[in-house]
Amino acid sequence: MKRRDSIVDGLHKLRERIGRAHDFDADRIAVTIRRHEKERGRGDTRVAPKRAVRQKKAS
């Protein structure tokens, strides 16, 4: 039998609470998340893609 993980249980409760507050509408949830990120100055973070490096073929 698996042991219960209090952190995972807490995340599930949080997800349920957020979902209920937004009628489980993904678009409404996303808008709220973006608004919170903007208010806290954490939104729109972009990381430049890394260049792919070709591997040399083994002879």
C-alpha atoms as a PDB file:
ATOM      1  CA  MET A   1       0.000   0.000   0.000  1.00  0.00           C
ATOM      2  CA  LYS A   2       1.300   3.463  -0.904  1.00  0.00           C
ATOM      3  CA  ARG A   3       2.009   5.996   1.793  1.00  0.00           C
ATOM      4  CA  ARG A   4       0.151   9.284   1.672  1.00  0.00           C
ATOM      5  CA  ASP A   5       2.272  12.306   0.819  1.00  0.00           C
ATOM      6  CA  SER A   6       1.156  15.454   2.629  1.00  0.00           C
ATOM      7  CA  ILE A   7       2.709  17.748  -0.005  1.00  0.00           C
ATOM      8  CA  VAL A   8       0.909  16.012  -2.873  1.00  0.00           C
ATOM      9  CA  ASP A   9      -2.325  16.008  -0.864  1.00  0.00           C
ATOM     10  CA  GLY A  10      -1.925  19.749  -0.295  1.00  0.00           C
ATOM     11  CA  LEU A  11      -1.364  20.373  -3.993  1.00  0.00           C
ATOM     12  CA  HIS A  12      -4.474  18.366  -4.878  1.00  0.00           C
ATOM     13  CA  LYS A  13      -6.546  20.400  -2.407  1.00  0.00           C
ATOM     14  CA  LEU A  14      -5.148  23.652  -3.809  1.00  0.00           C
ATOM     15  CA  ARG A  15      -5.865  22.584  -7.390  1.00  0.00           C
ATOM     16  CA  GLU A  16      -9.427  21.647  -6.422  1.00  0.00           C
ATOM     17  CA  ARG A  17      -9.958  24.986  -4.642  1.00  0.00           C
ATOM     18  CA  ILE A  18      -8.650  27.000  -7.604  1.00  0.00           C
ATOM     19  CA  GLY A  19     -10.719  24.932 -10.019  1.00  0.00           C
ATOM     20  CA  ARG A  20     -13.918  25.438  -8.050  1.00  0.00           C
ATOM     21  CA  ALA A  21     -13.293  29.193  -7.787  1.00  0.00           C
ATOM     22  CA  HIS A  22     -13.116  29.390 -11.590  1.00  0.00           C
ATOM     23  CA  ASP A  23     -15.817  26.815 -12.412  1.00  0.00           C
ATOM     24  CA  PHE A  24     -13.043  24.520 -13.720  1.00  0.00           C
ATOM     25  CA  ASP A  25     -12.654  26.822 -16.751  1.00  0.00           C
ATOM     26  CA  ALA A  26      -9.031  26.549 -17.937  1.00  0.00           C
ATOM     27  CA  ASP A  27      -9.181  29.917 -19.733  1.00  0.00           C
ATOM     28  CA  ARG A  28     -10.347  31.731 -16.591  1.00  0.00           C
ATOM     29  CA  ILE A  29      -7.675  30.001 -14.518  1.00  0.00           C
ATOM     30  CA  ALA A  30      -4.969  30.992 -17.038  1.00  0.00           C
ATOM     31  CA  VAL A  31      -6.107  34.638 -17.044  1.00  0.00           C
ATOM     32  CA  THR A  32      -5.955  34.725 -13.253  1.00  0.00           C
ATOM     33  CA  ILE A  33      -2.478  33.158 -13.197  1.00  0.00           C
ATOM     34  CA  ARG A  34      -1.184  35.690 -15.750  1.00  0.00           C
ATOM     35  CA  ARG A  35      -2.667  38.563 -13.760  1.00  0.00           C
ATOM     36  CA  HIS A  36      -1.014  37.336 -10.548  1.00  0.00           C
ATOM     37  CA  GLU A  37       2.330  36.899 -12.336  1.00  0.00           C
ATOM     38  CA  LYS A  38       2.142  40.438 -13.708  1.00  0.00           C
ATOM     39  CA  GLU A  39       1.292  41.860 -10.284  1.00  0.00           C
ATOM     40  CA  ARG A  40       4.291  40.084  -8.764  1.00  0.00           C
ATOM     41  CA  GLY A  41       6.630  40.918 -11.645  1.00  0.00           C
ATOM     42  CA  ARG A  42       7.215  37.292 -12.612  1.00  0.00           C
ATOM     43  CA  GLY A  43       5.277  37.028 -15.864  1.00  0.00           C
ATOM     44  CA  ASP A  44       6.507  36.861 -19.439  1.00  0.00           C
ATOM     45  CA  THR A  45       9.832  35.271 -18.585  1.00  0.00           C
ATOM     46  CA  ARG A  46      11.485  33.952 -21.730  1.00  0.00           C
ATOM     47  CA  VAL A  47      14.629  31.911 -21.990  1.00  0.00           C
ATOM     48  CA  ALA A  48      16.615  31.943 -25.227  1.00  0.00           C
ATOM     49  CA  PRO A  49      16.717  28.511 -26.856  1.00  0.00           C
ATOM     50  CA  LYS A  50      20.007  26.652 -26.787  1.00  0.00           C
ATOM     51  CA  ARG A  51      21.678  25.869 -30.096  1.00  0.00           C
ATOM     52  CA  ALA A  52      21.698  22.224 -31.041  1.00  0.00           C
ATOM     53  CA  VAL A  53      25.130  20.675 -31.294  1.00  0.00           C
ATOM     54  CA  ARG A  54      25.612  17.931 -33.836  1.00  0.00           C
ATOM     55  CA  GLN A  55      27.233  14.791 -32.590  1.00  0.00           C
ATOM     56  CA  LYS A  56      30.136  13.399 -34.607  1.00  0.00           C
ATOM     57  CA  LYS A  57      29.450  10.006 -36.127  1.00  0.00           C
ATOM     58  CA  ALA A  58      31.407   7.161 -34.621  1.00  0.00           C
ATOM     59  CA  SER A  59      33.602   5.402 -37.194  1.00  0.00           C
END
